[in-house]
Full PDB file with SEQRES, HELIX, SHEET, SSBOND, CRYST1, ORIGX, SCALE, CONECT and MASTER records, all heavy atoms in Angstrom:
SEQRES   1 A   41  TYR GLY LEU PHE LEU GLY ILE SER ALA LEU THR VAL CYS          
SEQRES   2 A   41  GLU PHE LEU ASP PHE GLY ILE ARG LYS PHE CYS HIS LYS          
SEQRES   3 A   41  ILE LEU SER GLU ARG LYS LYS ARG ARG ARG GLN GLU LYS          
SEQRES   4 A   41  TYR PRO                                                      
HELIX    1 AA1 GLY A    2  LYS A   39  1                                  38    
CRYST1    1.000    1.000    1.000  90.00  90.00  90.00 P 1           1          
ORIGX1      1.000000  0.000000  0.000000        0.00000                         
ORIGX2      0.000000  1.000000  0.000000        0.00000                         
ORIGX3      0.000000  0.000000  1.000000        0.00000                         
SCALE1      1.000000  0.000000  0.000000        0.00000                         
SCALE2      0.000000  1.000000  0.000000        0.00000                         
SCALE3      0.000000  0.000000  1.000000        0.00000                         
ATOM      1  N   TYR A   1      51.412  87.994 -72.998  1.00  0.00           N  
ATOM      2  CA  TYR A   1      50.658  89.199 -72.628  1.00  0.00           C  
ATOM      3  C   TYR A   1      51.252  89.847 -71.381  1.00  0.00           C  
ATOM      4  O   TYR A   1      51.390  91.074 -71.297  1.00  0.00           O  
ATOM      5  CB  TYR A   1      49.192  88.851 -72.385  1.00  0.00           C  
ATOM      6  CG  TYR A   1      48.400  88.646 -73.649  1.00  0.00           C  
ATOM      7  CD1 TYR A   1      47.547  87.556 -73.787  1.00  0.00           C  
ATOM      8  CD2 TYR A   1      48.486  89.541 -74.703  1.00  0.00           C  
ATOM      9  CE1 TYR A   1      46.810  87.345 -74.944  1.00  0.00           C  
ATOM     10  CE2 TYR A   1      47.762  89.352 -75.868  1.00  0.00           C  
ATOM     11  CZ  TYR A   1      46.924  88.252 -75.986  1.00  0.00           C  
ATOM     12  OH  TYR A   1      46.214  88.056 -77.121  1.00  0.00           O  
ATOM     13  N   GLY A   2      51.592  89.035 -70.394  1.00  0.00           N  
ATOM     14  CA  GLY A   2      52.182  89.569 -69.171  1.00  0.00           C  
ATOM     15  C   GLY A   2      53.492  90.280 -69.434  1.00  0.00           C  
ATOM     16  O   GLY A   2      53.776  91.345 -68.863  1.00  0.00           O  
ATOM     17  N   LEU A   3      54.301  89.693 -70.335  1.00  0.00           N  
ATOM     18  CA  LEU A   3      55.582  90.318 -70.674  1.00  0.00           C  
ATOM     19  C   LEU A   3      55.368  91.689 -71.317  1.00  0.00           C  
ATOM     20  O   LEU A   3      55.965  92.689 -70.898  1.00  0.00           O  
ATOM     21  CB  LEU A   3      56.356  89.397 -71.621  1.00  0.00           C  
ATOM     22  CG  LEU A   3      57.670  89.961 -72.182  1.00  0.00           C  
ATOM     23  CD1 LEU A   3      58.673  90.207 -71.052  1.00  0.00           C  
ATOM     24  CD2 LEU A   3      58.244  88.997 -73.210  1.00  0.00           C  
ATOM     25  N   PHE A   4      54.474  91.713 -72.333  1.00  0.00           N  
ATOM     26  CA  PHE A   4      54.254  92.988 -73.030  1.00  0.00           C  
ATOM     27  C   PHE A   4      53.587  94.010 -72.130  1.00  0.00           C  
ATOM     28  O   PHE A   4      53.916  95.196 -72.170  1.00  0.00           O  
ATOM     29  CB  PHE A   4      53.423  92.752 -74.291  1.00  0.00           C  
ATOM     30  CG  PHE A   4      54.175  92.030 -75.365  1.00  0.00           C  
ATOM     31  CD1 PHE A   4      53.714  90.827 -75.867  1.00  0.00           C  
ATOM     32  CD2 PHE A   4      55.369  92.538 -75.857  1.00  0.00           C  
ATOM     33  CE1 PHE A   4      54.418  90.164 -76.844  1.00  0.00           C  
ATOM     34  CE2 PHE A   4      56.075  91.888 -76.834  1.00  0.00           C  
ATOM     35  CZ  PHE A   4      55.607  90.684 -77.337  1.00  0.00           C  
ATOM     36  N   LEU A   5      52.612  93.573 -71.303  1.00  0.00           N  
ATOM     37  CA  LEU A   5      51.974  94.512 -70.379  1.00  0.00           C  
ATOM     38  C   LEU A   5      52.954  95.030 -69.355  1.00  0.00           C  
ATOM     39  O   LEU A   5      52.924  96.197 -68.963  1.00  0.00           O  
ATOM     40  CB  LEU A   5      50.783  93.833 -69.697  1.00  0.00           C  
ATOM     41  CG  LEU A   5      49.566  93.556 -70.584  1.00  0.00           C  
ATOM     42  CD1 LEU A   5      48.524  92.743 -69.820  1.00  0.00           C  
ATOM     43  CD2 LEU A   5      48.950  94.863 -71.069  1.00  0.00           C  
ATOM     44  N   GLY A   6      53.872  94.146 -68.926  1.00  0.00           N  
ATOM     45  CA  GLY A   6      54.888  94.581 -67.969  1.00  0.00           C  
ATOM     46  C   GLY A   6      55.797  95.637 -68.581  1.00  0.00           C  
ATOM     47  O   GLY A   6      56.121  96.654 -67.960  1.00  0.00           O  
ATOM     48  N   ILE A   7      56.200  95.437 -69.812  1.00  0.00           N  
ATOM     49  CA  ILE A   7      57.023  96.429 -70.503  1.00  0.00           C  
ATOM     50  C   ILE A   7      56.271  97.748 -70.646  1.00  0.00           C  
ATOM     51  O   ILE A   7      56.818  98.833 -70.437  1.00  0.00           O  
ATOM     52  CB  ILE A   7      57.458  95.879 -71.876  1.00  0.00           C  
ATOM     53  CG1 ILE A   7      58.415  94.704 -71.682  1.00  0.00           C  
ATOM     54  CG2 ILE A   7      58.122  96.967 -72.714  1.00  0.00           C  
ATOM     55  CD1 ILE A   7      58.800  94.005 -72.974  1.00  0.00           C  
ATOM     56  N   SER A   8      54.973  97.678 -71.002  1.00  0.00           N  
ATOM     57  CA  SER A   8      54.177  98.898 -71.163  1.00  0.00           C  
ATOM     58  C   SER A   8      54.052  99.642 -69.850  1.00  0.00           C  
ATOM     59  O   SER A   8      54.139 100.881 -69.798  1.00  0.00           O  
ATOM     60  CB  SER A   8      52.788  98.531 -71.706  1.00  0.00           C  
ATOM     61  OG  SER A   8      52.899  97.883 -72.965  1.00  0.00           O  
ATOM     62  N   ALA A   9      53.845  98.931 -68.756  1.00  0.00           N  
ATOM     63  CA  ALA A   9      53.712  99.584 -67.452  1.00  0.00           C  
ATOM     64  C   ALA A   9      55.013 100.287 -67.072  1.00  0.00           C  
ATOM     65  O   ALA A   9      55.011 101.418 -66.543  1.00  0.00           O  
ATOM     66  CB  ALA A   9      53.334  98.557 -66.388  1.00  0.00           C  
ATOM     67  N   LEU A  10      56.146  99.639 -67.334  1.00  0.00           N  
ATOM     68  CA  LEU A  10      57.433 100.284 -67.028  1.00  0.00           C  
ATOM     69  C   LEU A  10      57.622 101.537 -67.861  1.00  0.00           C  
ATOM     70  O   LEU A  10      58.134 102.563 -67.377  1.00  0.00           O  
ATOM     71  CB  LEU A  10      58.576  99.298 -67.302  1.00  0.00           C  
ATOM     72  CG  LEU A  10      58.733  98.143 -66.298  1.00  0.00           C  
ATOM     73  CD1 LEU A  10      59.804  97.173 -66.778  1.00  0.00           C  
ATOM     74  CD2 LEU A  10      59.103  98.692 -64.909  1.00  0.00           C  
ATOM     75  N   THR A  11      57.211 101.476 -69.134  1.00  0.00           N  
ATOM     76  CA  THR A  11      57.334 102.659 -69.997  1.00  0.00           C  
ATOM     77  C   THR A  11      56.488 103.816 -69.462  1.00  0.00           C  
ATOM     78  O   THR A  11      56.934 104.974 -69.434  1.00  0.00           O  
ATOM     79  CB  THR A  11      56.909 102.301 -71.429  1.00  0.00           C  
ATOM     80  OG1 THR A  11      57.696 101.204 -71.895  1.00  0.00           O  
ATOM     81  CG2 THR A  11      57.107 103.482 -72.368  1.00  0.00           C  
ATOM     82  N   VAL A  12      55.250 103.512 -69.024  1.00  0.00           N  
ATOM     83  CA  VAL A  12      54.382 104.557 -68.447  1.00  0.00           C  
ATOM     84  C   VAL A  12      55.023 105.158 -67.206  1.00  0.00           C  
ATOM     85  O   VAL A  12      55.029 106.392 -67.011  1.00  0.00           O  
ATOM     86  CB  VAL A  12      52.992 103.957 -68.129  1.00  0.00           C  
ATOM     87  CG1 VAL A  12      52.155 104.962 -67.321  1.00  0.00           C  
ATOM     88  CG2 VAL A  12      52.274 103.570 -69.404  1.00  0.00           C  
ATOM     89  N   CYS A  13      55.599 104.281 -66.365  1.00  0.00           N  
ATOM     90  CA  CYS A  13      56.250 104.786 -65.151  1.00  0.00           C  
ATOM     91  C   CYS A  13      57.443 105.688 -65.497  1.00  0.00           C  
ATOM     92  O   CYS A  13      57.698 106.711 -64.830  1.00  0.00           O  
ATOM     93  CB  CYS A  13      56.719 103.634 -64.279  1.00  0.00           C  
ATOM     94  SG  CYS A  13      55.363 102.675 -63.544  1.00  0.00           S  
ATOM     95  N   GLU A  14      58.189 105.310 -66.566  1.00  0.00           N  
ATOM     96  CA  GLU A  14      59.323 106.143 -66.975  1.00  0.00           C  
ATOM     97  C   GLU A  14      58.843 107.506 -67.461  1.00  0.00           C  
ATOM     98  O   GLU A  14      59.469 108.545 -67.160  1.00  0.00           O  
ATOM     99  CB  GLU A  14      60.100 105.434 -68.085  1.00  0.00           C  
ATOM    100  CG  GLU A  14      60.915 104.247 -67.567  1.00  0.00           C  
ATOM    101  CD  GLU A  14      61.625 103.525 -68.687  1.00  0.00           C  
ATOM    102  OE1 GLU A  14      61.370 103.864 -69.876  1.00  0.00           O  
ATOM    103  OE2 GLU A  14      62.420 102.620 -68.409  1.00  0.00           O  
ATOM    104  N   PHE A  15      57.744 107.514 -68.222  1.00  0.00           N  
ATOM    105  CA  PHE A  15      57.201 108.812 -68.655  1.00  0.00           C  
ATOM    106  C   PHE A  15      56.743 109.646 -67.468  1.00  0.00           C  
ATOM    107  O   PHE A  15      56.961 110.869 -67.414  1.00  0.00           O  
ATOM    108  CB  PHE A  15      56.048 108.597 -69.631  1.00  0.00           C  
ATOM    109  CG  PHE A  15      56.492 108.405 -71.048  1.00  0.00           C  
ATOM    110  CD1 PHE A  15      56.351 107.190 -71.686  1.00  0.00           C  
ATOM    111  CD2 PHE A  15      57.063 109.464 -71.761  1.00  0.00           C  
ATOM    112  CE1 PHE A  15      56.765 107.014 -72.979  1.00  0.00           C  
ATOM    113  CE2 PHE A  15      57.478 109.296 -73.065  1.00  0.00           C  
ATOM    114  CZ  PHE A  15      57.341 108.054 -73.699  1.00  0.00           C  
ATOM    115  N   LEU A  16      56.079 109.020 -66.493  1.00  0.00           N  
ATOM    116  CA  LEU A  16      55.642 109.743 -65.290  1.00  0.00           C  
ATOM    117  C   LEU A  16      56.841 110.300 -64.523  1.00  0.00           C  
ATOM    118  O   LEU A  16      56.836 111.441 -64.051  1.00  0.00           O  
ATOM    119  CB  LEU A  16      54.809 108.818 -64.396  1.00  0.00           C  
ATOM    120  CG  LEU A  16      53.421 108.445 -64.907  1.00  0.00           C  
ATOM    121  CD1 LEU A  16      52.772 107.417 -63.991  1.00  0.00           C  
ATOM    122  CD2 LEU A  16      52.545 109.702 -64.974  1.00  0.00           C  
ATOM    123  N   ASP A  17      57.873 109.420 -64.413  1.00  0.00           N  
ATOM    124  CA  ASP A  17      59.074 109.869 -63.704  1.00  0.00           C  
ATOM    125  C   ASP A  17      59.725 111.050 -64.423  1.00  0.00           C  
ATOM    126  O   ASP A  17      60.137 112.045 -63.779  1.00  0.00           O  
ATOM    127  CB  ASP A  17      60.052 108.692 -63.619  1.00  0.00           C  
ATOM    128  CG  ASP A  17      61.335 109.075 -62.915  1.00  0.00           C  
ATOM    129  OD1 ASP A  17      61.289 109.340 -61.693  1.00  0.00           O  
ATOM    130  OD2 ASP A  17      62.381 109.104 -63.598  1.00  0.00           O  
ATOM    131  N   PHE A  18      59.772 110.966 -65.761  1.00  0.00           N  
ATOM    132  CA  PHE A  18      60.339 112.055 -66.541  1.00  0.00           C  
ATOM    133  C   PHE A  18      59.512 113.335 -66.369  1.00  0.00           C  
ATOM    134  O   PHE A  18      60.055 114.443 -66.192  1.00  0.00           O  
ATOM    135  CB  PHE A  18      60.403 111.660 -68.019  1.00  0.00           C  
ATOM    136  CG  PHE A  18      60.864 112.754 -68.915  1.00  0.00           C  
ATOM    137  CD1 PHE A  18      62.218 113.104 -68.985  1.00  0.00           C  
ATOM    138  CD2 PHE A  18      59.952 113.469 -69.684  1.00  0.00           C  
ATOM    139  CE1 PHE A  18      62.635 114.121 -69.812  1.00  0.00           C  
ATOM    140  CE2 PHE A  18      60.382 114.490 -70.501  1.00  0.00           C  
ATOM    141  CZ  PHE A  18      61.717 114.819 -70.580  1.00  0.00           C  
ATOM    142  N   GLY A  19      58.189 113.204 -66.392  1.00  0.00           N  
ATOM    143  CA  GLY A  19      57.329 114.378 -66.238  1.00  0.00           C  
ATOM    144  C   GLY A  19      57.467 115.013 -64.874  1.00  0.00           C  
ATOM    145  O   GLY A  19      57.531 116.267 -64.744  1.00  0.00           O  
ATOM    146  N   ILE A  20      57.518 114.187 -63.818  1.00  0.00           N  
ATOM    147  CA  ILE A  20      57.664 114.721 -62.459  1.00  0.00           C  
ATOM    148  C   ILE A  20      59.004 115.440 -62.318  1.00  0.00           C  
ATOM    149  O   ILE A  20      59.093 116.543 -61.747  1.00  0.00           O  
ATOM    150  CB  ILE A  20      57.517 113.598 -61.427  1.00  0.00           C  
ATOM    151  CG1 ILE A  20      56.068 113.064 -61.447  1.00  0.00           C  
ATOM    152  CG2 ILE A  20      57.902 114.078 -60.041  1.00  0.00           C  
ATOM    153  CD1 ILE A  20      55.871 111.800 -60.623  1.00  0.00           C  
ATOM    154  N   ARG A  21      60.071 114.787 -62.821  1.00  0.00           N  
ATOM    155  CA  ARG A  21      61.393 115.398 -62.740  1.00  0.00           C  
ATOM    156  C   ARG A  21      61.435 116.724 -63.517  1.00  0.00           C  
ATOM    157  O   ARG A  21      62.031 117.717 -63.073  1.00  0.00           O  
ATOM    158  CB  ARG A  21      62.449 114.449 -63.288  1.00  0.00           C  
ATOM    159  CG  ARG A  21      62.743 113.270 -62.364  1.00  0.00           C  
ATOM    160  CD  ARG A  21      63.725 112.292 -63.035  1.00  0.00           C  
ATOM    161  NE  ARG A  21      63.992 111.172 -62.175  1.00  0.00           N  
ATOM    162  CZ  ARG A  21      64.956 111.135 -61.261  1.00  0.00           C  
ATOM    163  NH1 ARG A  21      65.744 112.212 -61.074  1.00  0.00           N  
ATOM    164  NH2 ARG A  21      65.134 110.083 -60.505  1.00  0.00           N  
ATOM    165  N   LYS A  22      60.809 116.759 -64.674  1.00  0.00           N  
ATOM    166  CA  LYS A  22      60.782 117.979 -65.477  1.00  0.00           C  
ATOM    167  C   LYS A  22      60.023 119.095 -64.746  1.00  0.00           C  
ATOM    168  O   LYS A  22      60.460 120.264 -64.724  1.00  0.00           O  
ATOM    169  CB  LYS A  22      60.110 117.679 -66.821  1.00  0.00           C  
ATOM    170  CG  LYS A  22      60.205 118.788 -67.837  1.00  0.00           C  
ATOM    171  CD  LYS A  22      61.615 118.931 -68.350  1.00  0.00           C  
ATOM    172  CE  LYS A  22      61.679 119.969 -69.465  1.00  0.00           C  
ATOM    173  NZ  LYS A  22      63.054 120.222 -69.897  1.00  0.00           N  
ATOM    174  N   PHE A  23      58.892 118.708 -64.149  1.00  0.00           N  
ATOM    175  CA  PHE A  23      58.083 119.697 -63.406  1.00  0.00           C  
ATOM    176  C   PHE A  23      58.852 120.240 -62.214  1.00  0.00           C  
ATOM    177  O   PHE A  23      58.897 121.453 -61.957  1.00  0.00           O  
ATOM    178  CB  PHE A  23      56.788 119.035 -62.974  1.00  0.00           C  
ATOM    179  CG  PHE A  23      55.894 119.917 -62.175  1.00  0.00           C  
ATOM    180  CD1 PHE A  23      55.185 120.957 -62.789  1.00  0.00           C  
ATOM    181  CD2 PHE A  23      55.769 119.750 -60.802  1.00  0.00           C  
ATOM    182  CE1 PHE A  23      54.359 121.792 -62.044  1.00  0.00           C  
ATOM    183  CE2 PHE A  23      54.949 120.587 -60.060  1.00  0.00           C  
ATOM    184  CZ  PHE A  23      54.246 121.593 -60.675  1.00  0.00           C  
ATOM    185  N   CYS A  24      59.494 119.314 -61.489  1.00  0.00           N  
ATOM    186  CA  CYS A  24      60.268 119.745 -60.322  1.00  0.00           C  
ATOM    187  C   CYS A  24      61.441 120.648 -60.744  1.00  0.00           C  
ATOM    188  O   CYS A  24      61.771 121.660 -60.074  1.00  0.00           O  
ATOM    189  CB  CYS A  24      60.792 118.555 -59.543  1.00  0.00           C  
ATOM    190  SG  CYS A  24      59.480 117.568 -58.762  1.00  0.00           S  
ATOM    191  N   HIS A  25      62.098 120.271 -61.825  1.00  0.00           N  
ATOM    192  CA  HIS A  25      63.225 121.068 -62.313  1.00  0.00           C  
ATOM    193  C   HIS A  25      62.761 122.471 -62.721  1.00  0.00           C  
ATOM    194  O   HIS A  25      63.451 123.474 -62.435  1.00  0.00           O  
ATOM    195  CB  HIS A  25      63.872 120.373 -63.508  1.00  0.00           C  
ATOM    196  CG  HIS A  25      65.002 121.148 -64.112  1.00  0.00           C  
ATOM    197  ND1 HIS A  25      66.243 121.284 -63.486  1.00  0.00           N  
ATOM    198  CD2 HIS A  25      65.085 121.847 -65.278  1.00  0.00           C  
ATOM    199  CE1 HIS A  25      67.024 122.022 -64.233  1.00  0.00           C  
ATOM    200  NE2 HIS A  25      66.349 122.382 -65.343  1.00  0.00           N  
ATOM    201  N   LYS A  26      61.603 122.589 -63.328  1.00  0.00           N  
ATOM    202  CA  LYS A  26      61.077 123.899 -63.732  1.00  0.00           C  
ATOM    203  C   LYS A  26      60.751 124.758 -62.529  1.00  0.00           C  
ATOM    204  O   LYS A  26      61.045 125.969 -62.499  1.00  0.00           O  
ATOM    205  CB  LYS A  26      59.843 123.684 -64.596  1.00  0.00           C  
ATOM    206  CG  LYS A  26      59.342 124.964 -65.234  1.00  0.00           C  
ATOM    207  CD  LYS A  26      58.210 124.682 -66.193  1.00  0.00           C  
ATOM    208  CE  LYS A  26      57.763 125.983 -66.864  1.00  0.00           C  
ATOM    209  NZ  LYS A  26      56.647 125.745 -67.814  1.00  0.00           N  
ATOM    210  N   ILE A  27      60.129 124.159 -61.511  1.00  0.00           N  
ATOM    211  CA  ILE A  27      59.790 124.914 -60.292  1.00  0.00           C  
ATOM    212  C   ILE A  27      61.061 125.431 -59.619  1.00  0.00           C  
ATOM    213  O   ILE A  27      61.161 126.585 -59.190  1.00  0.00           O  
ATOM    214  CB  ILE A  27      58.972 124.039 -59.333  1.00  0.00           C  
ATOM    215  CG1 ILE A  27      57.583 123.770 -59.949  1.00  0.00           C  
ATOM    216  CG2 ILE A  27      58.846 124.709 -57.970  1.00  0.00           C  
ATOM    217  CD1 ILE A  27      56.732 122.824 -59.132  1.00  0.00           C  
ATOM    218  N   LEU A  28      62.049 124.561 -59.489  1.00  0.00           N  
ATOM    219  CA  LEU A  28      63.304 124.979 -58.850  1.00  0.00           C  
ATOM    220  C   LEU A  28      63.986 126.093 -59.644  1.00  0.00           C  
ATOM    221  O   LEU A  28      64.569 127.040 -59.063  1.00  0.00           O  
ATOM    222  CB  LEU A  28      64.247 123.782 -58.716  1.00  0.00           C  
ATOM    223  CG  LEU A  28      63.810 122.707 -57.705  1.00  0.00           C  
ATOM    224  CD1 LEU A  28      64.744 121.504 -57.766  1.00  0.00           C  
ATOM    225  CD2 LEU A  28      63.784 123.302 -56.284  1.00  0.00           C  
ATOM    226  N   SER A  29      63.915 125.990 -60.962  1.00  0.00           N  
ATOM    227  CA  SER A  29      64.521 127.044 -61.796  1.00  0.00           C  
ATOM    228  C   SER A  29      63.822 128.385 -61.591  1.00  0.00           C  
ATOM    229  O   SER A  29      64.475 129.448 -61.531  1.00  0.00           O  
ATOM    230  CB  SER A  29      64.455 126.643 -63.282  1.00  0.00           C  
ATOM    231  OG  SER A  29      65.194 125.469 -63.501  1.00  0.00           O  
ATOM    232  N   GLU A  30      62.495 128.363 -61.486  1.00  0.00           N  
ATOM    233  CA  GLU A  30      61.753 129.608 -61.256  1.00  0.00           C  
ATOM    234  C   GLU A  30      62.120 130.223 -59.909  1.00  0.00           C  
ATOM    235  O   GLU A  30      62.282 131.440 -59.780  1.00  0.00           O  
ATOM    236  CB  GLU A  30      60.255 129.336 -61.329  1.00  0.00           C  
ATOM    237  CG  GLU A  30      59.739 128.994 -62.706  1.00  0.00           C  
ATOM    238  CD  GLU A  30      59.783 130.215 -63.621  1.00  0.00           C  
ATOM    239  OE1 GLU A  30      59.750 131.353 -63.113  1.00  0.00           O  
ATOM    240  OE2 GLU A  30      59.880 130.011 -64.857  1.00  0.00           O  
ATOM    241  N   ARG A  31      62.267 129.428 -58.884  1.00  0.00           N  
ATOM    242  CA  ARG A  31      62.617 129.948 -57.561  1.00  0.00           C  
ATOM    243  C   ARG A  31      64.010 130.589 -57.570  1.00  0.00           C  
ATOM    244  O   ARG A  31      64.231 131.652 -56.992  1.00  0.00           O  
ATOM    245  CB  ARG A  31      62.563 128.814 -56.527  1.00  0.00           C  
ATOM    246  CG  ARG A  31      61.139 128.379 -56.206  1.00  0.00           C  
ATOM    247  CD  ARG A  31      61.165 127.264 -55.161  1.00  0.00           C  
ATOM    248  NE  ARG A  31      59.801 126.864 -54.810  1.00  0.00           N  
ATOM    249  CZ  ARG A  31      59.529 125.872 -53.967  1.00  0.00           C  
ATOM    250  NH1 ARG A  31      60.534 125.181 -53.407  1.00  0.00           N  
ATOM    251  NH2 ARG A  31      58.278 125.580 -53.694  1.00  0.00           N  
ATOM    252  N   LYS A  32      64.942 129.887 -58.209  1.00  0.00           N  
ATOM    253  CA  LYS A  32      66.301 130.464 -58.274  1.00  0.00           C  
ATOM    254  C   LYS A  32      66.291 131.782 -59.018  1.00  0.00           C  
ATOM    255  O   LYS A  32      67.015 132.733 -58.661  1.00  0.00           O  
ATOM    256  CB  LYS A  32      67.245 129.473 -58.979  1.00  0.00           C  
ATOM    257  CG  LYS A  32      67.577 128.261 -58.129  1.00  0.00           C  
ATOM    258  CD  LYS A  32      68.517 127.332 -58.891  1.00  0.00           C  
ATOM    259  CE  LYS A  32      68.851 126.113 -58.035  1.00  0.00           C  
ATOM    260  NZ  LYS A  32      69.749 125.188 -58.751  1.00  0.00           N  
ATOM    261  N   LYS A  33      65.497 131.883 -60.063  1.00  0.00           N  
ATOM    262  CA  LYS A  33      65.433 133.116 -60.842  1.00  0.00           C  
ATOM    263  C   LYS A  33      64.893 134.258 -59.997  1.00  0.00           C  
ATOM    264  O   LYS A  33      65.389 135.401 -60.040  1.00  0.00           O  
ATOM    265  CB  LYS A  33      64.557 132.869 -62.070  1.00  0.00           C  
ATOM    266  CG  LYS A  33      64.518 134.038 -63.035  1.00  0.00           C  
ATOM    267  CD  LYS A  33      63.677 133.686 -64.245  1.00  0.00           C  
ATOM    268  CE  LYS A  33      63.646 134.864 -65.216  1.00  0.00           C  
ATOM    269  NZ  LYS A  33      62.827 134.530 -66.413  1.00  0.00           N  
ATOM    270  N   ARG A  34      63.854 134.000 -59.166  1.00  0.00           N  
ATOM    271  CA  ARG A  34      63.282 135.055 -58.320  1.00  0.00           C  
ATOM    272  C   ARG A  34      64.299 135.531 -57.281  1.00  0.00           C  
ATOM    273  O   ARG A  34      64.403 136.716 -56.974  1.00  0.00           O  
ATOM    274  CB  ARG A  34      62.037 134.537 -57.612  1.00  0.00           C  
ATOM    275  CG  ARG A  34      60.823 134.369 -58.536  1.00  0.00           C  
ATOM    276  CD  ARG A  34      59.539 134.243 -57.709  1.00  0.00           C  
ATOM    277  NE  ARG A  34      58.550 133.466 -58.432  1.00  0.00           N  
ATOM    278  CZ  ARG A  34      58.260 132.221 -58.239  1.00  0.00           C  
ATOM    279  NH1 ARG A  34      58.920 131.553 -57.272  1.00  0.00           N  
ATOM    280  NH2 ARG A  34      57.341 131.611 -58.947  1.00  0.00           N  
ATOM    281  N   ARG A  35      65.006 134.564 -56.726  1.00  0.00           N  
ATOM    282  CA  ARG A  35      65.991 134.941 -55.706  1.00  0.00           C  
ATOM    283  C   ARG A  35      67.084 135.855 -56.283  1.00  0.00           C  
ATOM    284  O   ARG A  35      67.531 136.796 -55.644  1.00  0.00           O  
ATOM    285  CB  ARG A  35      66.621 133.683 -55.118  1.00  0.00           C  
ATOM    286  CG  ARG A  35      65.660 132.936 -54.200  1.00  0.00           C  
ATOM    287  CD  ARG A  35      66.297 131.629 -53.740  1.00  0.00           C  
ATOM    288  NE  ARG A  35      65.346 130.875 -52.931  1.00  0.00           N  
ATOM    289  CZ  ARG A  35      65.563 129.632 -52.529  1.00  0.00           C  
ATOM    290  NH1 ARG A  35      66.691 129.029 -52.899  1.00  0.00           N  
ATOM    291  NH2 ARG A  35      64.672 129.037 -51.789  1.00  0.00           N  
ATOM    292  N   ARG A  36      67.502 135.547 -57.465  1.00  0.00           N  
ATOM    293  CA  ARG A  36      68.517 136.383 -58.082  1.00  0.00           C  
ATOM    294  C   ARG A  36      67.976 137.814 -58.342  1.00  0.00           C  
ATOM    295  O   ARG A  36      68.649 138.805 -58.163  1.00  0.00           O  
ATOM    296  CB  ARG A  36      69.025 135.773 -59.397  1.00  0.00           C  
ATOM    297  CG  ARG A  36      69.988 134.629 -59.199  1.00  0.00           C  
ATOM    298  CD  ARG A  36      70.746 134.360 -60.500  1.00  0.00           C  
ATOM    299  NE  ARG A  36      69.847 134.021 -61.569  1.00  0.00           N  
ATOM    300  CZ  ARG A  36      69.511 132.764 -61.860  1.00  0.00           C  
ATOM    301  NH1 ARG A  36      69.960 131.756 -61.133  1.00  0.00           N  
ATOM    302  NH2 ARG A  36      68.688 132.532 -62.874  1.00  0.00           N  
ATOM    303  N   GLN A  37      66.716 137.899 -58.762  1.00  0.00           N  
ATOM    304  CA  GLN A  37      66.126 139.211 -59.017  1.00  0.00           C  
ATOM    305  C   GLN A  37      65.974 140.004 -57.732  1.00  0.00           C  
ATOM    306  O   GLN A  37      66.134 141.225 -57.706  1.00  0.00           O  
ATOM    307  CB  GLN A  37      64.784 139.057 -59.712  1.00  0.00           C  
ATOM    308  CG  GLN A  37      64.889 138.566 -61.126  1.00  0.00           C  
ATOM    309  CD  GLN A  37      63.534 138.358 -61.789  1.00  0.00           C  
ATOM    310  OE1 GLN A  37      62.495 138.415 -61.083  1.00  0.00           O  
ATOM    311  NE2 GLN A  37      63.542 138.107 -63.101  1.00  0.00           N  
ATOM    312  N   GLU A  38      65.602 139.303 -56.610  1.00  0.00           N  
ATOM    313  CA  GLU A  38      65.456 139.991 -55.345  1.00  0.00           C  
ATOM    314  C   GLU A  38      66.812 140.477 -54.819  1.00  0.00           C  
ATOM    315  O   GLU A  38      66.934 141.517 -54.187  1.00  0.00           O  
ATOM    316  CB  GLU A  38      64.809 139.069 -54.329  1.00  0.00           C  
ATOM    317  CG  GLU A  38      63.355 138.773 -54.640  1.00  0.00           C  
ATOM    318  CD  GLU A  38      62.760 137.779 -53.674  1.00  0.00           C  
ATOM    319  OE1 GLU A  38      63.531 137.232 -52.830  1.00  0.00           O  
ATOM    320  OE2 GLU A  38      61.554 137.469 -53.787  1.00  0.00           O  
ATOM    321  N   LYS A  39      67.835 139.690 -55.064  1.00  0.00           N  
ATOM    322  CA  LYS A  39      69.146 140.033 -54.551  1.00  0.00           C  
ATOM    323  C   LYS A  39      69.801 141.137 -55.381  1.00  0.00           C  
ATOM    324  O   LYS A  39      70.508 142.002 -54.858  1.00  0.00           O  
ATOM    325  CB  LYS A  39      70.019 138.770 -54.537  1.00  0.00           C  
ATOM    326  CG  LYS A  39      71.342 138.991 -53.801  1.00  0.00           C  
ATOM    327  CD  LYS A  39      72.052 137.663 -53.709  1.00  0.00           C  
ATOM    328  CE  LYS A  39      73.364 137.857 -52.930  1.00  0.00           C  
ATOM    329  NZ  LYS A  39      74.087 136.589 -52.772  1.00  0.00           N  
ATOM    330  N   TYR A  40      69.612 141.047 -56.692  1.00  0.00           N  
ATOM    331  CA  TYR A  40      70.204 142.043 -57.587  1.00  0.00           C  
ATOM    332  C   TYR A  40      69.086 142.721 -58.396  1.00  0.00           C  
ATOM    333  O   TYR A  40      68.893 142.362 -59.560  1.00  0.00           O  
ATOM    334  CB  TYR A  40      71.210 141.389 -58.528  1.00  0.00           C  
ATOM    335  CG  TYR A  40      72.302 140.613 -57.806  1.00  0.00           C  
ATOM    336  CD1 TYR A  40      72.247 139.247 -57.741  1.00  0.00           C  
ATOM    337  CD2 TYR A  40      73.357 141.316 -57.198  1.00  0.00           C  
ATOM    338  CE1 TYR A  40      73.242 138.535 -57.074  1.00  0.00           C  
ATOM    339  CE2 TYR A  40      74.340 140.615 -56.550  1.00  0.00           C  
ATOM    340  CZ  TYR A  40      74.280 139.205 -56.497  1.00  0.00           C  
ATOM    341  OH  TYR A  40      75.253 138.515 -55.855  1.00  0.00           O  
ATOM    342  N   PRO A  41      68.384 143.682 -57.789  1.00  0.00           N  
ATOM    343  CA  PRO A  41      67.290 144.324 -58.542  1.00  0.00           C  
ATOM    344  C   PRO A  41      67.866 145.229 -59.614  1.00  0.00           C  
ATOM    345  O   PRO A  41      68.946 145.810 -59.456  1.00  0.00           O  
ATOM    346  CB  PRO A  41      66.551 145.135 -57.461  1.00  0.00           C  
ATOM    347  CG  PRO A  41      67.572 145.348 -56.407  1.00  0.00           C  
ATOM    348  CD  PRO A  41      68.500 144.192 -56.395  1.00  0.00           C  
TER     349      PRO A  41                                                      
MASTER        0    0    0    1    0    0    0    6  348    1    0    4          
END                                                                             
């Protein structure tokens, strides 16, 4: 049980890490897009 629960916890952490990275990547992409529009209207 400990082995399987440990594997499940790592999988959840990987999904959380993937979600956080995806969210951060989207925010950074939006900021870069605004800067380009402000610089080159």
